[in-house]
Amino acid sequence: MSKPLLHLVFGGEVKDPKGSEFVDLDSLDVVGIYPSHAKAMEAWRAASHARVDEAHVKYVIVHLHKLLDPDKGEG
């Protein structure tokens, strides 16, 4: 069995919709941590679609496994 590749999904209001500078770090919406990119994409898609009418709200996927083991960085 392969080791899970952890992914964090979170979002919030950004200063510029083209960027990733969040306005209020205390009010970030942490959706969750997922064991695969596919599961993280499902969660990201659901969170993003729920707030699609808010142009300055952005959700992102962070590859935690790359931060935890930067020499591997695969997946």
N, C-alpha and C. Protein backbone atom coordinates (compact mmCIF):
# COMPACT_ATOMS: atom_id res chain seq x y z
N MET A 1 0.84 -1.18 0.00
CA MET A 1 0.00 0.00 0.00
C MET A 1 0.88 1.24 0.00
N SER A 2 0.58 2.19 -0.86
CA SER A 2 1.41 3.39 -0.96
C SER A 2 1.03 4.41 0.12
N LYS A 3 1.98 5.24 0.43
CA LYS A 3 1.81 6.27 1.44
C LYS A 3 0.88 7.36 0.90
N PRO A 4 -0.10 7.84 1.70
CA PRO A 4 -0.98 8.90 1.23
C PRO A 4 -0.20 10.18 0.95
N LEU A 5 -0.59 10.89 -0.08
CA LEU A 5 0.02 12.18 -0.41
C LEU A 5 -0.94 13.26 0.07
N LEU A 6 -0.63 13.86 1.22
CA LEU A 6 -1.55 14.79 1.87
C LEU A 6 -1.69 16.11 1.12
N HIS A 7 -2.94 16.58 1.05
CA HIS A 7 -3.27 17.85 0.39
C HIS A 7 -4.19 18.65 1.29
N LEU A 8 -3.90 19.93 1.46
CA LEU A 8 -4.71 20.84 2.26
C LEU A 8 -5.54 21.71 1.32
N VAL A 9 -6.84 21.84 1.61
CA VAL A 9 -7.71 22.72 0.84
C VAL A 9 -8.19 23.82 1.77
N PHE A 10 -7.97 25.07 1.35
CA PHE A 10 -8.45 26.21 2.13
C PHE A 10 -8.71 27.39 1.21
N GLY A 11 -9.39 28.39 1.74
CA GLY A 11 -9.68 29.55 0.93
C GLY A 11 -10.11 30.73 1.77
N GLY A 12 -10.36 31.82 1.08
CA GLY A 12 -10.79 33.05 1.73
C GLY A 12 -10.73 34.20 0.75
N GLU A 13 -10.96 35.39 1.28
CA GLU A 13 -10.95 36.58 0.45
C GLU A 13 -9.52 36.97 0.10
N VAL A 14 -9.29 37.26 -1.17
CA VAL A 14 -7.97 37.69 -1.64
C VAL A 14 -8.03 39.14 -2.08
N LYS A 15 -6.89 39.83 -2.02
CA LYS A 15 -6.84 41.24 -2.45
C LYS A 15 -7.10 41.37 -3.94
N ASP A 16 -6.52 40.46 -4.71
CA ASP A 16 -6.65 40.47 -6.16
C ASP A 16 -6.99 39.05 -6.60
N PRO A 17 -8.10 38.87 -7.34
CA PRO A 17 -8.49 37.51 -7.76
C PRO A 17 -7.43 36.77 -8.57
N LYS A 18 -6.48 37.49 -9.16
CA LYS A 18 -5.41 36.85 -9.92
C LYS A 18 -4.25 36.42 -9.02
N GLY A 19 -4.25 36.88 -7.77
CA GLY A 19 -3.16 36.59 -6.86
C GLY A 19 -3.56 35.63 -5.77
N SER A 20 -2.69 35.51 -4.79
CA SER A 20 -2.97 34.60 -3.68
C SER A 20 -2.65 35.24 -2.32
N GLU A 21 -2.76 36.57 -2.26
CA GLU A 21 -2.57 37.27 -0.99
C GLU A 21 -3.91 37.39 -0.30
N PHE A 22 -4.07 36.65 0.79
CA PHE A 22 -5.34 36.61 1.49
C PHE A 22 -5.49 37.84 2.39
N VAL A 23 -6.71 38.39 2.44
CA VAL A 23 -7.00 39.62 3.16
C VAL A 23 -6.95 39.42 4.67
N ASP A 24 -7.63 38.41 5.18
CA ASP A 24 -7.75 38.21 6.62
C ASP A 24 -7.40 36.76 6.95
N LEU A 25 -6.20 36.54 7.41
CA LEU A 25 -5.74 35.18 7.70
C LEU A 25 -6.52 34.53 8.83
N ASP A 26 -7.09 35.34 9.72
CA ASP A 26 -7.87 34.80 10.83
C ASP A 26 -9.22 34.23 10.38
N SER A 27 -9.66 34.60 9.18
CA SER A 27 -10.96 34.13 8.72
C SER A 27 -10.86 33.15 7.54
N LEU A 28 -9.70 32.54 7.36
CA LEU A 28 -9.55 31.54 6.30
C LEU A 28 -10.49 30.36 6.56
N ASP A 29 -11.05 29.84 5.49
CA ASP A 29 -11.92 28.67 5.56
C ASP A 29 -11.07 27.44 5.26
N VAL A 30 -10.72 26.69 6.31
CA VAL A 30 -9.95 25.46 6.13
C VAL A 30 -10.95 24.35 5.85
N VAL A 31 -10.96 23.88 4.61
CA VAL A 31 -11.91 22.85 4.19
C VAL A 31 -11.49 21.49 4.74
N GLY A 32 -10.20 21.17 4.63
CA GLY A 32 -9.73 19.90 5.17
C GLY A 32 -8.43 19.44 4.56
N ILE A 33 -7.98 18.29 5.06
CA ILE A 33 -6.76 17.64 4.57
C ILE A 33 -7.19 16.31 3.95
N TYR A 34 -6.68 16.03 2.75
CA TYR A 34 -7.13 14.88 1.97
C TYR A 34 -5.95 14.00 1.56
N PRO A 35 -6.20 12.68 1.42
CA PRO A 35 -5.12 11.72 1.17
C PRO A 35 -4.71 11.59 -0.29
N SER A 36 -5.37 12.31 -1.19
CA SER A 36 -5.01 12.24 -2.61
C SER A 36 -5.40 13.54 -3.29
N HIS A 37 -4.76 13.79 -4.42
CA HIS A 37 -5.09 15.00 -5.18
C HIS A 37 -6.52 14.93 -5.69
N ALA A 38 -6.98 13.76 -6.06
CA ALA A 38 -8.35 13.61 -6.56
C ALA A 38 -9.38 13.99 -5.49
N LYS A 39 -9.18 13.54 -4.27
CA LYS A 39 -10.09 13.88 -3.16
C LYS A 39 -10.01 15.38 -2.86
N ALA A 40 -8.81 15.93 -2.90
CA ALA A 40 -8.65 17.37 -2.66
C ALA A 40 -9.35 18.17 -3.75
N MET A 41 -9.26 17.72 -4.99
CA MET A 41 -9.94 18.41 -6.10
C MET A 41 -11.46 18.41 -5.90
N GLU A 42 -12.01 17.30 -5.43
CA GLU A 42 -13.45 17.23 -5.16
C GLU A 42 -13.84 18.28 -4.12
N ALA A 43 -13.07 18.36 -3.04
CA ALA A 43 -13.35 19.32 -1.97
C ALA A 43 -13.15 20.75 -2.46
N TRP A 44 -12.08 20.99 -3.21
CA TRP A 44 -11.82 22.32 -3.76
C TRP A 44 -12.96 22.75 -4.67
N ARG A 45 -13.37 21.85 -5.54
CA ARG A 45 -14.45 22.16 -6.49
C ARG A 45 -15.75 22.51 -5.74
N ALA A 46 -16.10 21.73 -4.72
CA ALA A 46 -17.32 21.99 -3.96
C ALA A 46 -17.25 23.34 -3.25
N ALA A 47 -16.12 23.63 -2.60
CA ALA A 47 -15.96 24.90 -1.89
C ALA A 47 -15.96 26.07 -2.85
N SER A 48 -15.26 25.94 -3.96
CA SER A 48 -15.19 27.01 -4.96
C SER A 48 -16.55 27.30 -5.57
N HIS A 49 -17.29 26.25 -5.91
CA HIS A 49 -18.60 26.43 -6.53
C HIS A 49 -19.60 27.03 -5.55
N ALA A 50 -19.44 26.74 -4.26
CA ALA A 50 -20.36 27.29 -3.26
C ALA A 50 -20.24 28.81 -3.15
N ARG A 51 -19.07 29.35 -3.55
CA ARG A 51 -18.84 30.80 -3.43
C ARG A 51 -18.48 31.43 -4.77
N VAL A 52 -18.96 30.82 -5.84
CA VAL A 52 -18.59 31.23 -7.20
C VAL A 52 -18.97 32.69 -7.51
N ASP A 53 -20.00 33.20 -6.88
CA ASP A 53 -20.43 34.58 -7.15
C ASP A 53 -19.60 35.63 -6.43
N GLU A 54 -18.70 35.21 -5.57
CA GLU A 54 -17.85 36.13 -4.82
C GLU A 54 -16.47 36.18 -5.50
N ALA A 55 -16.28 37.19 -6.34
CA ALA A 55 -15.08 37.28 -7.18
C ALA A 55 -13.78 37.32 -6.40
N HIS A 56 -13.81 37.83 -5.18
CA HIS A 56 -12.58 37.96 -4.40
C HIS A 56 -12.38 36.83 -3.40
N VAL A 57 -13.11 35.73 -3.58
CA VAL A 57 -12.91 34.56 -2.73
C VAL A 57 -12.25 33.47 -3.58
N LYS A 58 -11.17 32.94 -3.06
CA LYS A 58 -10.40 31.93 -3.80
C LYS A 58 -10.09 30.76 -2.88
N TYR A 59 -10.16 29.56 -3.43
CA TYR A 59 -9.78 28.34 -2.72
C TYR A 59 -8.57 27.75 -3.43
N VAL A 60 -7.68 27.15 -2.64
CA VAL A 60 -6.45 26.59 -3.19
C VAL A 60 -6.19 25.20 -2.61
N ILE A 61 -5.35 24.46 -3.31
CA ILE A 61 -4.88 23.16 -2.84
C ILE A 61 -3.39 23.28 -2.59
N VAL A 62 -2.97 22.92 -1.38
CA VAL A 62 -1.54 22.93 -1.03
C VAL A 62 -1.09 21.48 -0.90
N HIS A 63 -0.01 21.15 -1.57
CA HIS A 63 0.54 19.79 -1.55
C HIS A 63 1.39 19.63 -0.29
N LEU A 64 0.75 19.23 0.81
CA LEU A 64 1.47 19.10 2.08
C LEU A 64 2.59 18.09 2.00
N HIS A 65 2.40 17.03 1.21
CA HIS A 65 3.43 16.01 1.13
C HIS A 65 4.73 16.58 0.56
N LYS A 66 4.64 17.60 -0.27
CA LYS A 66 5.84 18.23 -0.82
C LYS A 66 6.54 19.08 0.24
N LEU A 67 5.76 19.66 1.14
CA LEU A 67 6.36 20.45 2.23
C LEU A 67 6.96 19.55 3.29
N LEU A 68 6.33 18.41 3.54
CA LEU A 68 6.81 17.49 4.56
C LEU A 68 8.07 16.73 4.11
N ASP A 69 8.16 16.48 2.80
CA ASP A 69 9.31 15.75 2.26
C ASP A 69 9.72 16.39 0.93
N PRO A 70 10.35 17.58 0.99
CA PRO A 70 10.64 18.33 -0.24
C PRO A 70 11.57 17.63 -1.22
N ASP A 71 12.36 16.66 -0.76
CA ASP A 71 13.26 15.97 -1.66
C ASP A 71 12.52 15.00 -2.58
N LYS A 72 11.38 14.49 -2.12
CA LYS A 72 10.58 13.58 -2.95
C LYS A 72 9.72 14.38 -3.91
N GLY A 73 8.82 15.22 -3.38
CA GLY A 73 8.02 16.13 -4.17
C GLY A 73 7.19 15.52 -5.27
N GLU A 74 6.97 14.24 -5.27
CA GLU A 74 6.20 13.62 -6.35
C GLU A 74 4.72 13.63 -6.02
N GLY A 75 3.90 13.48 -7.07
CA GLY A 75 2.47 13.38 -6.89
C GLY A 75 1.81 14.66 -7.04
